[in-house]
Amino acid sequence: MPHQREFFSDQESAEIYIQGAYGQGKTYALAIKQLILRVANAKSDGILLVPTYGDYERIHKHEWPTIISDVAGITITVKQDPDRFVWPWGRVTWVISAEKPERLKGIKA
């Protein structure tokens, strides 16, 4: 579909936002988008802004590593304190909750 092609090919937008109903593939699409961006920007970190840490704990923390491994054969490591995904080349995707945006301070991504 054209909007999906546009979503996955865009590497210029500073922010990525995805919405949809339950079961529409948001987690999968966002995991693939993060994979594309992390490979294209392997020398920098990224940020995953989630509505709540509960969403991260329930969804992304468990599903992203499996999706990325299945699609690309890349193993990402889940770390805590602070929450983050560590990519095999050493860069990080920081997890920030919209409930606590002050945690963005000090992150250089």
PDB file of N, CA and C in Angstrom:
ATOM      1  N   MET A   1       0.842  -1.179   0.000  1.00  0.00           N
ATOM      2  CA  MET A   1       0.000   0.000   0.000  1.00  0.00           C
ATOM      3  C   MET A   1       0.888   1.243   0.000  1.00  0.00           C
ATOM      4  N   PRO A   2       0.472   2.293  -0.682  1.00  0.00           N
ATOM      5  CA  PRO A   2       1.307   3.496  -0.794  1.00  0.00           C
ATOM      6  C   PRO A   2       1.697   4.106   0.551  1.00  0.00           C
ATOM      7  N   HIS A   3       0.763   4.180   1.513  1.00  0.00           N
ATOM      8  CA  HIS A   3       1.108   4.806   2.793  1.00  0.00           C
ATOM      9  C   HIS A   3       2.119   3.967   3.572  1.00  0.00           C
ATOM     10  N   GLN A   4       2.079   2.640   3.411  1.00  0.00           N
ATOM     11  CA  GLN A   4       3.074   1.792   4.067  1.00  0.00           C
ATOM     12  C   GLN A   4       4.442   1.981   3.423  1.00  0.00           C
ATOM     13  N   ARG A   5       4.482   2.050   2.114  1.00  0.00           N
ATOM     14  CA  ARG A   5       5.738   2.271   1.390  1.00  0.00           C
ATOM     15  C   ARG A   5       6.345   3.608   1.818  1.00  0.00           C
ATOM     16  N   GLU A   6       5.509   4.630   1.927  1.00  0.00           N
ATOM     17  CA  GLU A   6       5.966   5.949   2.366  1.00  0.00           C
ATOM     18  C   GLU A   6       6.501   5.893   3.794  1.00  0.00           C
ATOM     19  N   PHE A   7       5.795   5.200   4.677  1.00  0.00           N
ATOM     20  CA  PHE A   7       6.211   5.075   6.080  1.00  0.00           C
ATOM     21  C   PHE A   7       7.585   4.423   6.194  1.00  0.00           C
ATOM     22  N   PHE A   8       7.789   3.319   5.496  1.00  0.00           N
ATOM     23  CA  PHE A   8       9.057   2.593   5.615  1.00  0.00           C
ATOM     24  C   PHE A   8      10.206   3.252   4.873  1.00  0.00           C
ATOM     25  N   SER A   9       9.931   3.999   3.816  1.00  0.00           N
ATOM     26  CA  SER A   9      11.022   4.606   3.047  1.00  0.00           C
ATOM     27  C   SER A   9      11.451   5.972   3.572  1.00  0.00           C
ATOM     28  N   ASP A  10      10.612   6.634   4.343  1.00  0.00           N
ATOM     29  CA  ASP A  10      10.937   7.965   4.873  1.00  0.00           C
ATOM     30  C   ASP A  10      12.055   7.873   5.911  1.00  0.00           C
ATOM     31  N   GLN A  11      13.173   8.527   5.626  1.00  0.00           N
ATOM     32  CA  GLN A  11      14.276   8.590   6.592  1.00  0.00           C
ATOM     33  C   GLN A  11      14.632  10.030   6.925  1.00  0.00           C
ATOM     34  N   GLU A  12      13.758  10.946   6.577  1.00  0.00           N
ATOM     35  CA  GLU A  12      14.011  12.357   6.810  1.00  0.00           C
ATOM     36  C   GLU A  12      13.231  12.926   7.996  1.00  0.00           C
ATOM     37  N   SER A  13      12.095  12.339   8.318  1.00  0.00           N
ATOM     38  CA  SER A  13      11.256  12.871   9.399  1.00  0.00           C
ATOM     39  C   SER A  13      11.962  12.743  10.743  1.00  0.00           C
ATOM     40  N   ALA A  14      11.881  13.800  11.528  1.00  0.00           N
ATOM     41  CA  ALA A  14      12.521  13.795  12.845  1.00  0.00           C
ATOM     42  C   ALA A  14      11.753  12.944  13.846  1.00  0.00           C
ATOM     43  N   GLU A  15      10.446  12.843  13.677  1.00  0.00           N
ATOM     44  CA  GLU A  15       9.619  12.035  14.564  1.00  0.00           C
ATOM     45  C   GLU A  15       8.768  11.076  13.743  1.00  0.00           C
ATOM     46  N   ILE A  16       8.528   9.912  14.333  1.00  0.00           N
ATOM     47  CA  ILE A  16       7.674   8.906  13.717  1.00  0.00           C
ATOM     48  C   ILE A  16       6.484   8.706  14.648  1.00  0.00           C
ATOM     49  N   TYR A  17       5.295   8.729  14.109  1.00  0.00           N
ATOM     50  CA  TYR A  17       4.083   8.515  14.898  1.00  0.00           C
ATOM     51  C   TYR A  17       3.237   7.490  14.179  1.00  0.00           C
ATOM     52  N   ILE A  18       2.744   6.526  14.916  1.00  0.00           N
ATOM     53  CA  ILE A  18       1.900   5.505  14.310  1.00  0.00           C
ATOM     54  C   ILE A  18       0.699   5.265  15.212  1.00  0.00           C
ATOM     55  N   GLN A  19      -0.464   5.137  14.615  1.00  0.00           N
ATOM     56  CA  GLN A  19      -1.675   4.869  15.393  1.00  0.00           C
ATOM     57  C   GLN A  19      -2.541   3.879  14.639  1.00  0.00           C
ATOM     58  N   GLY A  20      -3.391   3.207  15.369  1.00  0.00           N
ATOM     59  CA  GLY A  20      -4.308   2.259  14.768  1.00  0.00           C
ATOM     60  C   GLY A  20      -5.013   1.482  15.860  1.00  0.00           C
ATOM     61  N   ALA A  21      -6.006   0.755  15.462  1.00  0.00           N
ATOM     62  CA  ALA A  21      -6.783  -0.038  16.410  1.00  0.00           C
ATOM     63  C   ALA A  21      -5.988  -1.264  16.863  1.00  0.00           C
ATOM     64  N   TYR A  22      -6.468  -1.895  17.916  1.00  0.00           N
ATOM     65  CA  TYR A  22      -5.848  -3.103  18.439  1.00  0.00           C
ATOM     66  C   TYR A  22      -5.751  -4.160  17.338  1.00  0.00           C
ATOM     67  N   GLY A  23      -4.573  -4.758  17.212  1.00  0.00           N
ATOM     68  CA  GLY A  23      -4.380  -5.828  16.240  1.00  0.00           C
ATOM     69  C   GLY A  23      -4.105  -5.369  14.823  1.00  0.00           C
ATOM     70  N   GLN A  24      -3.834  -4.086  14.629  1.00  0.00           N
ATOM     71  CA  GLN A  24      -3.606  -3.558  13.279  1.00  0.00           C
ATOM     72  C   GLN A  24      -2.149  -3.603  12.829  1.00  0.00           C
ATOM     73  N   GLY A  25      -1.239  -4.081  13.690  1.00  0.00           N
ATOM     74  CA  GLY A  25       0.160  -4.236  13.282  1.00  0.00           C
ATOM     75  C   GLY A  25       1.074  -3.080  13.653  1.00  0.00           C
ATOM     76  N   LYS A  26       0.659  -2.247  14.595  1.00  0.00           N
ATOM     77  CA  LYS A  26       1.480  -1.092  14.985  1.00  0.00           C
ATOM     78  C   LYS A  26       2.829  -1.528  15.559  1.00  0.00           C
ATOM     79  N   THR A  27       2.820  -2.507  16.446  1.00  0.00           N
ATOM     80  CA  THR A  27       4.059  -2.967  17.082  1.00  0.00           C
ATOM     81  C   THR A  27       5.025  -3.506  16.040  1.00  0.00           C
ATOM     82  N   TYR A  28       4.517  -4.309  15.134  1.00  0.00           N
ATOM     83  CA  TYR A  28       5.341  -4.895  14.084  1.00  0.00           C
ATOM     84  C   TYR A  28       5.921  -3.804  13.174  1.00  0.00           C
ATOM     85  N   ALA A  29       5.061  -2.912  12.705  1.00  0.00           N
ATOM     86  CA  ALA A  29       5.511  -1.845  11.806  1.00  0.00           C
ATOM     87  C   ALA A  29       6.544  -0.954  12.472  1.00  0.00           C
ATOM     88  N   LEU A  30       6.323  -0.623  13.732  1.00  0.00           N
ATOM     89  CA  LEU A  30       7.265   0.244  14.436  1.00  0.00           C
ATOM     90  C   LEU A  30       8.588  -0.464  14.692  1.00  0.00           C
ATOM     91  N   ALA A  31       8.553  -1.756  14.973  1.00  0.00           N
ATOM     92  CA  ALA A  31       9.794  -2.518  15.158  1.00  0.00           C
ATOM     93  C   ALA A  31      10.606  -2.533  13.861  1.00  0.00           C
ATOM     94  N   ILE A  32       9.941  -2.750  12.737  1.00  0.00           N
ATOM     95  CA  ILE A  32      10.636  -2.761  11.447  1.00  0.00           C
ATOM     96  C   ILE A  32      11.180  -1.373  11.118  1.00  0.00           C
ATOM     97  N   LYS A  33      10.397  -0.340  11.396  1.00  0.00           N
ATOM     98  CA  LYS A  33      10.858   1.032  11.162  1.00  0.00           C
ATOM     99  C   LYS A  33      12.086   1.329  12.011  1.00  0.00           C
ATOM    100  N   GLN A  34      12.060   0.915  13.276  1.00  0.00           N
ATOM    101  CA  GLN A  34      13.216   1.123  14.147  1.00  0.00           C
ATOM    102  C   GLN A  34      14.437   0.378  13.611  1.00  0.00           C
ATOM    103  N   LEU A  35      14.240  -0.825  13.132  1.00  0.00           N
ATOM    104  CA  LEU A  35      15.333  -1.596  12.530  1.00  0.00           C
ATOM    105  C   LEU A  35      15.929  -0.842  11.339  1.00  0.00           C
ATOM    106  N   ILE A  36      15.078  -0.368  10.455  1.00  0.00           N
ATOM    107  CA  ILE A  36      15.544   0.382   9.277  1.00  0.00           C
ATOM    108  C   ILE A  36      16.349   1.604   9.707  1.00  0.00           C
ATOM    109  N   LEU A  37      15.825   2.362  10.671  1.00  0.00           N
ATOM    110  CA  LEU A  37      16.501   3.582  11.119  1.00  0.00           C
ATOM    111  C   LEU A  37      17.799   3.283  11.860  1.00  0.00           C
ATOM    112  N   ARG A  38      17.823   2.222  12.664  1.00  0.00           N
ATOM    113  CA  ARG A  38      19.037   1.886  13.408  1.00  0.00           C
ATOM    114  C   ARG A  38      20.150   1.444  12.468  1.00  0.00           C
ATOM    115  N   VAL A  39      19.814   0.702  11.428  1.00  0.00           N
ATOM    116  CA  VAL A  39      20.819   0.282  10.448  1.00  0.00           C
ATOM    117  C   VAL A  39      21.309   1.491   9.648  1.00  0.00           C
ATOM    118  N   ALA A  40      20.381   2.348   9.234  1.00  0.00           N
ATOM    119  CA  ALA A  40      20.749   3.531   8.442  1.00  0.00           C
ATOM    120  C   ALA A  40      21.525   4.563   9.261  1.00  0.00           C
ATOM    121  N   ASN A  41      21.306   4.584  10.562  1.00  0.00           N
ATOM    122  CA  ASN A  41      21.951   5.560  11.454  1.00  0.00           C
ATOM    123  C   ASN A  41      22.715   4.824  12.547  1.00  0.00           C
ATOM    124  N   ALA A  42      23.548   3.890  12.131  1.00  0.00           N
ATOM    125  CA  ALA A  42      24.230   2.980  13.069  1.00  0.00           C
ATOM    126  C   ALA A  42      25.167   3.693  14.040  1.00  0.00           C
ATOM    127  N   LYS A  43      25.500   4.937  13.771  1.00  0.00           N
ATOM    128  CA  LYS A  43      26.415   5.664  14.660  1.00  0.00           C
ATOM    129  C   LYS A  43      25.693   6.560  15.656  1.00  0.00           C
ATOM    130  N   SER A  44      24.363   6.452  15.702  1.00  0.00           N
ATOM    131  CA  SER A  44      23.617   7.282  16.652  1.00  0.00           C
ATOM    132  C   SER A  44      22.577   6.445  17.391  1.00  0.00           C
ATOM    133  N   ASP A  45      22.083   6.980  18.487  1.00  0.00           N
ATOM    134  CA  ASP A  45      21.053   6.327  19.278  1.00  0.00           C
ATOM    135  C   ASP A  45      19.672   6.779  18.805  1.00  0.00           C
ATOM    136  N   GLY A  46      18.646   6.099  19.278  1.00  0.00           N
ATOM    137  CA  GLY A  46      17.276   6.455  18.961  1.00  0.00           C
ATOM    138  C   GLY A  46      16.437   6.482  20.230  1.00  0.00           C
ATOM    139  N   ILE A  47      15.207   6.930  20.096  1.00  0.00           N
ATOM    140  CA  ILE A  47      14.286   7.004  21.228  1.00  0.00           C
ATOM    141  C   ILE A  47      12.962   6.363  20.830  1.00  0.00           C
ATOM    142  N   LEU A  48      12.420   5.553  21.729  1.00  0.00           N
ATOM    143  CA  LEU A  48      11.057   5.047  21.602  1.00  0.00           C
ATOM    144  C   LEU A  48      10.248   5.726  22.693  1.00  0.00           C
ATOM    145  N   LEU A  49       9.334   6.593  22.302  1.00  0.00           N
ATOM    146  CA  LEU A  49       8.454   7.270  23.252  1.00  0.00           C
ATOM    147  C   LEU A  49       7.148   6.492  23.311  1.00  0.00           C
ATOM    148  N   VAL A  50       6.847   5.931  24.477  1.00  0.00           N
ATOM    149  CA  VAL A  50       5.639   5.133  24.661  1.00  0.00           C
ATOM    150  C   VAL A  50       4.650   5.899  25.534  1.00  0.00           C
ATOM    151  N   PRO A  51       3.352   5.644  25.378  1.00  0.00           N
ATOM    152  CA  PRO A  51       2.380   6.351  26.226  1.00  0.00           C
ATOM    153  C   PRO A  51       2.626   6.097  27.717  1.00  0.00           C
ATOM    154  N   THR A  52       2.875   4.831  28.084  1.00  0.00           N
ATOM    155  CA  THR A  52       3.131   4.474  29.485  1.00  0.00           C
ATOM    156  C   THR A  52       4.201   3.389  29.538  1.00  0.00           C
ATOM    157  N   TYR A  53       4.869   3.277  30.678  1.00  0.00           N
ATOM    158  CA  TYR A  53       5.826   2.189  30.835  1.00  0.00           C
ATOM    159  C   TYR A  53       5.118   0.840  30.834  1.00  0.00           C
ATOM    160  N   GLY A  54       3.851   0.841  31.254  1.00  0.00           N
ATOM    161  CA  GLY A  54       3.072  -0.394  31.189  1.00  0.00           C
ATOM    162  C   GLY A  54       2.954  -0.900  29.761  1.00  0.00           C
ATOM    163  N   ASP A  55       2.767   0.020  28.814  1.00  0.00           N
ATOM    164  CA  ASP A  55       2.719  -0.360  27.393  1.00  0.00           C
ATOM    165  C   ASP A  55       4.042  -0.978  26.965  1.00  0.00           C
ATOM    166  N   TYR A  56       5.133  -0.355  27.352  1.00  0.00           N
ATOM    167  CA  TYR A  56       6.454  -0.881  27.014  1.00  0.00           C
ATOM    168  C   TYR A  56       6.650  -2.270  27.609  1.00  0.00           C
ATOM    169  N   GLU A  57       6.361  -2.407  28.903  1.00  0.00           N
ATOM    170  CA  GLU A  57       6.551  -3.681  29.595  1.00  0.00           C
ATOM    171  C   GLU A  57       5.678  -4.785  28.982  1.00  0.00           C
ATOM    172  N   ARG A  58       4.466  -4.450  28.618  1.00  0.00           N
ATOM    173  CA  ARG A  58       3.507  -5.424  28.110  1.00  0.00           C
ATOM    174  C   ARG A  58       3.751  -5.768  26.641  1.00  0.00           C
ATOM    175  N   ILE A  59       4.245  -4.808  25.866  1.00  0.00           N
ATOM    176  CA  ILE A  59       4.305  -5.009  24.415  1.00  0.00           C
ATOM    177  C   ILE A  59       5.728  -4.986  23.857  1.00  0.00           C
ATOM    178  N   HIS A  60       6.323  -3.812  23.794  1.00  0.00           N
ATOM    179  CA  HIS A  60       7.588  -3.620  23.088  1.00  0.00           C
ATOM    180  C   HIS A  60       8.730  -4.447  23.663  1.00  0.00           C
ATOM    181  N   LYS A  61       8.847  -4.486  24.963  1.00  0.00           N
ATOM    182  CA  LYS A  61       9.949  -5.182  25.628  1.00  0.00           C
ATOM    183  C   LYS A  61      10.030  -6.645  25.199  1.00  0.00           C
ATOM    184  N   HIS A  62       8.905  -7.259  24.976  1.00  0.00           N
ATOM    185  CA  HIS A  62       8.877  -8.676  24.636  1.00  0.00           C
ATOM    186  C   HIS A  62       8.776  -8.933  23.130  1.00  0.00           C
ATOM    187  N   GLU A  63       8.076  -8.059  22.433  1.00  0.00           N
ATOM    188  CA  GLU A  63       7.810  -8.329  21.018  1.00  0.00           C
ATOM    189  C   GLU A  63       8.913  -7.842  20.075  1.00  0.00           C
ATOM    190  N   TRP A  64       9.496  -6.675  20.363  1.00  0.00           N
ATOM    191  CA  TRP A  64      10.513  -6.140  19.446  1.00  0.00           C
ATOM    192  C   TRP A  64      11.686  -7.091  19.229  1.00  0.00           C
ATOM    193  N   PRO A  65      12.286  -7.655  20.288  1.00  0.00           N
ATOM    194  CA  PRO A  65      13.418  -8.562  20.037  1.00  0.00           C
ATOM    195  C   PRO A  65      13.055  -9.745  19.135  1.00  0.00           C
ATOM    196  N   THR A  66      11.871 -10.296  19.309  1.00  0.00           N
ATOM    197  CA  THR A  66      11.442 -11.424  18.485  1.00  0.00           C
ATOM    198  C   THR A  66      11.206 -10.997  17.041  1.00  0.00           C
ATOM    199  N   ILE A  67      10.511  -9.888  16.853  1.00  0.00           N
ATOM    200  CA  ILE A  67      10.232  -9.398  15.496  1.00  0.00           C
ATOM    201  C   ILE A  67      11.532  -9.118  14.756  1.00  0.00           C
ATOM    202  N   ILE A  68      12.444  -8.406  15.381  1.00  0.00           N
ATOM    203  CA  ILE A  68      13.694  -8.017  14.724  1.00  0.00           C
ATOM    204  C   ILE A  68      14.564  -9.233  14.438  1.00  0.00           C
ATOM    205  N   SER A  69      14.581 -10.178  15.352  1.00  0.00           N
ATOM    206  CA  SER A  69      15.327 -11.414  15.123  1.00  0.00           C
ATOM    207  C   SER A  69      14.724 -12.213  13.969  1.00  0.00           C
ATOM    208  N   ASP A  70      13.405 -12.335  13.947  1.00  0.00           N
ATOM    209  CA  ASP A  70      12.735 -13.088  12.885  1.00  0.00           C
ATOM    210  C   ASP A  70      12.923 -12.451  11.513  1.00  0.00           C
ATOM    211  N   VAL A  71      12.857 -11.131  11.453  1.00  0.00           N
ATOM    212  CA  VAL A  71      12.931 -10.426  10.168  1.00  0.00           C
ATOM    213  C   VAL A  71      14.361 -10.283   9.662  1.00  0.00           C
ATOM    214  N   ALA A  72      15.281  -9.943  10.571  1.00  0.00           N
ATOM    215  CA  ALA A  72      16.634  -9.595  10.125  1.00  0.00           C
ATOM    216  C   ALA A  72      17.740 -10.471  10.708  1.00  0.00           C
ATOM    217  N   GLY A  73      17.397 -11.372  11.623  1.00  0.00           N
ATOM    218  CA  GLY A  73      18.427 -12.197  12.238  1.00  0.00           C
ATOM    219  C   GLY A  73      19.336 -11.412  13.162  1.00  0.00           C
ATOM    220  N   ILE A  74      18.867 -10.259  13.630  1.00  0.00           N
ATOM    221  CA  ILE A  74      19.641  -9.394  14.524  1.00  0.00           C
ATOM    222  C   ILE A  74      19.109  -9.565  15.941  1.00  0.00           C
ATOM    223  N   THR A  75      20.016  -9.774  16.876  1.00  0.00           N
ATOM    224  CA  THR A  75      19.626  -9.918  18.276  1.00  0.00           C
ATOM    225  C   THR A  75      19.827  -8.600  18.992  1.00  0.00           C
ATOM    226  N   ILE A  76      18.734  -8.055  19.534  1.00  0.00           N
ATOM    227  CA  ILE A  76      18.851  -6.866  20.365  1.00  0.00           C
ATOM    228  C   ILE A  76      18.663  -7.294  21.813  1.00  0.00           C
ATOM    229  N   THR A  77      19.361  -6.606  22.701  1.00  0.00           N
ATOM    230  CA  THR A  77      19.328  -6.919  24.122  1.00  0.00           C
ATOM    231  C   THR A  77      18.462  -5.906  24.839  1.00  0.00           C
ATOM    232  N   VAL A  78      17.617  -6.381  25.736  1.00  0.00           N
ATOM    233  CA  VAL A  78      16.763  -5.511  26.544  1.00  0.00           C
ATOM    234  C   VAL A  78      17.487  -5.238  27.856  1.00  0.00           C
ATOM    235  N   LYS A  79      17.654  -3.965  28.186  1.00  0.00           N
ATOM    236  CA  LYS A  79      18.314  -3.556  29.432  1.00  0.00           C
ATOM    237  C   LYS A  79      17.361  -2.686  30.230  1.00  0.00           C
ATOM    238  N   GLN A  80      17.623  -2.604  31.548  1.00  0.00           N
ATOM    239  CA  GLN A  80      16.804  -1.772  32.427  1.00  0.00           C
ATOM    240  C   GLN A  80      17.669  -0.786  33.192  1.00  0.00           C
ATOM    241  N   ASP A  81      17.005   0.201  33.774  1.00  0.00           N
ATOM    242  CA  ASP A  81      17.636   1.218  34.631  1.00  0.00           C
ATOM    243  C   ASP A  81      18.779   1.955  33.946  1.00  0.00           C
ATOM    244  N   PRO A  82      18.519   2.745  32.943  1.00  0.00           N
ATOM    245  CA  PRO A  82      17.232   3.053  32.319  1.00  0.00           C
ATOM    246  C   PRO A  82      16.861   2.008  31.257  1.00  0.00           C
ATOM    247  N   ASP A  83      15.563   1.962  30.942  1.00  0.00           N
ATOM    248  CA  ASP A  83      15.069   1.010  29.946  1.00  0.00           C
ATOM    249  C   ASP A  83      15.604   1.370  28.569  1.00  0.00           C
ATOM    250  N   ARG A  84      16.076   0.325  27.858  1.00  0.00           N
ATOM    251  CA  ARG A  84      16.654   0.561  26.531  1.00  0.00           C
ATOM    252  C   ARG A  84      16.825  -0.764  25.793  1.00  0.00           C
ATOM    253  N   PHE A  85      16.934  -0.660  24.478  1.00  0.00           N
ATOM    254  CA  PHE A  85      17.308  -1.780  23.632  1.00  0.00           C
ATOM    255  C   PHE A  85      18.738  -1.504  23.178  1.00  0.00           C
ATOM    256  N   VAL A  86      19.606  -2.494  23.291  1.00  0.00           N
ATOM    257  CA  VAL A  86      20.986  -2.339  22.846  1.00  0.00           C
ATOM    258  C   VAL A  86      21.167  -3.171  21.580  1.00  0.00           C
ATOM    259  N   TRP A  87      21.661  -2.512  20.542  1.00  0.00           N
ATOM    260  CA  TRP A  87      21.868  -3.145  19.245  1.00  0.00           C
ATOM    261  C   TRP A  87      23.251  -3.790  19.211  1.00  0.00           C
ATOM    262  N   PRO A  88      23.458  -4.792  18.370  1.00  0.00           N
ATOM    263  CA  PRO A  88      24.738  -5.515  18.360  1.00  0.00           C
ATOM    264  C   PRO A  88      25.956  -4.628  18.112  1.00  0.00           C
ATOM    265  N   TRP A  89      25.776  -3.491  17.444  1.00  0.00           N
ATOM    266  CA  TRP A  89      26.902  -2.598  17.166  1.00  0.00           C
ATOM    267  C   TRP A  89      27.097  -1.571  18.277  1.00  0.00           C
ATOM    268  N   GLY A  90      26.375  -1.735  19.395  1.00  0.00           N
ATOM    269  CA  GLY A  90      26.608  -0.914  20.575  1.00  0.00           C
ATOM    270  C   GLY A  90      25.727   0.303  20.746  1.00  0.00           C
ATOM    271  N   ARG A  91      24.961   0.665  19.750  1.00  0.00           N
ATOM    272  CA  ARG A  91      24.077   1.823  19.884  1.00  0.00           C
ATOM    273  C   ARG A  91      22.801   1.421  20.600  1.00  0.00           C
ATOM    274  N   VAL A  92      22.044   2.416  21.041  1.00  0.00           N
ATOM    275  CA  VAL A  92      20.919   2.188  21.939  1.00  0.00           C
ATOM    276  C   VAL A  92      19.648   2.845  21.415  1.00  0.00           C
ATOM    277  N   THR A  93      18.507   2.192  21.649  1.00  0.00           N
ATOM    278  CA  THR A  93      17.204   2.826  21.506  1.00  0.00           C
ATOM    279  C   THR A  93      16.682   3.024  22.927  1.00  0.00           C
ATOM    280  N   TRP A  94      16.633   4.264  23.373  1.00  0.00           N
ATOM    281  CA  TRP A  94      16.177   4.602  24.726  1.00  0.00           C
ATOM    282  C   TRP A  94      14.660   4.558  24.776  1.00  0.00           C
ATOM    283  N   VAL A  95      14.106   4.053  25.860  1.00  0.00           N
ATOM    284  CA  VAL A  95      12.658   3.990  26.041  1.00  0.00           C
ATOM    285  C   VAL A  95      12.250   5.070  27.035  1.00  0.00           C
ATOM    286  N   ILE A  96      11.370   5.943  26.595  1.00  0.00           N
ATOM    287  CA  ILE A  96      10.895   7.050  27.420  1.00  0.00           C
ATOM    288  C   ILE A  96       9.368   7.006  27.454  1.00  0.00           C
ATOM    289  N   SER A  97       8.810   7.223  28.621  1.00  0.00           N
ATOM    290  CA  SER A  97       7.360   7.254  28.763  1.00  0.00           C
ATOM    291  C   SER A  97       6.854   8.687  28.669  1.00  0.00           C
ATOM    292  N   ALA A  98       5.733   8.866  28.004  1.00  0.00           N
ATOM    293  CA  ALA A  98       5.105  10.191  27.946  1.00  0.00           C
ATOM    294  C   ALA A  98       4.643  10.628  29.332  1.00  0.00           C
ATOM    295  N   GLU A  99       4.536   9.670  30.255  1.00  0.00           N
ATOM    296  CA  GLU A  99       4.174   9.995  31.638  1.00  0.00           C
ATOM    297  C   GLU A  99       5.304  10.734  32.351  1.00  0.00           C
ATOM    298  N   LYS A 100       6.558  10.488  31.908  1.00  0.00           N
ATOM    299  CA  LYS A 100       7.721  11.084  32.556  1.00  0.00           C
ATOM    300  C   LYS A 100       8.673  11.673  31.511  1.00  0.00           C
ATOM    301  N   PRO A 101       8.218  12.694  30.798  1.00  0.00           N
ATOM    302  CA  PRO A 101       9.058  13.268  29.735  1.00  0.00           C
ATOM    303  C   PRO A 101      10.348  13.893  30.256  1.00  0.00           C
ATOM    304  N   GLU A 102      10.420  14.195  31.553  1.00  0.00           N
ATOM    305  CA  GLU A 102      11.639  14.769  32.110  1.00  0.00           C
ATOM    306  C   GLU A 102      12.824  13.822  31.977  1.00  0.00           C
ATOM    307  N   ARG A 103      12.559  12.539  31.761  1.00  0.00           N
ATOM    308  CA  ARG A 103      13.647  11.580  31.584  1.00  0.00           C
ATOM    309  C   ARG A 103      14.372  11.780  30.262  1.00  0.00           C
ATOM    310  N   LEU A 104      13.808  12.609  29.366  1.00  0.00           N
ATOM    311  CA  LEU A 104      14.494  12.915  28.113  1.00  0.00           C
ATOM    312  C   LEU A 104      15.755  13.741  28.338  1.00  0.00           C
ATOM    313  N   LYS A 105      15.816  14.447  29.459  1.00  0.00           N
ATOM    314  CA  LYS A 105      16.983  15.284  29.719  1.00  0.00           C
ATOM    315  C   LYS A 105      18.226  14.425  29.793  1.00  0.00           C
ATOM    316  N   GLY A 106      19.247  14.864  29.095  1.00  0.00           N
ATOM    317  CA  GLY A 106      20.531  14.175  29.136  1.00  0.00           C
ATOM    318  C   GLY A 106      20.709  13.097  28.081  1.00  0.00           C
ATOM    319  N   ILE A 107      19.640  12.703  27.394  1.00  0.00           N
ATOM    320  CA  ILE A 107      19.768  11.702  26.343  1.00  0.00           C
ATOM    321  C   ILE A 107      20.147  12.400  25.055  1.00  0.00           C
ATOM    322  N   LYS A 108      21.199  11.929  24.459  1.00  0.00           N
ATOM    323  CA  LYS A 108      21.665  12.492  23.191  1.00  0.00           C
ATOM    324  C   LYS A 108      21.380  11.482  22.103  1.00  0.00           C
ATOM    325  N   ALA A 109      20.214  11.606  21.492  1.00  0.00           N
ATOM    326  CA  ALA A 109      19.827  10.672  20.434  1.00  0.00           C
ATOM    327  C   ALA A 109      19.353  11.435  19.209  1.00  0.00           C
TER     328      ALA A 109
END
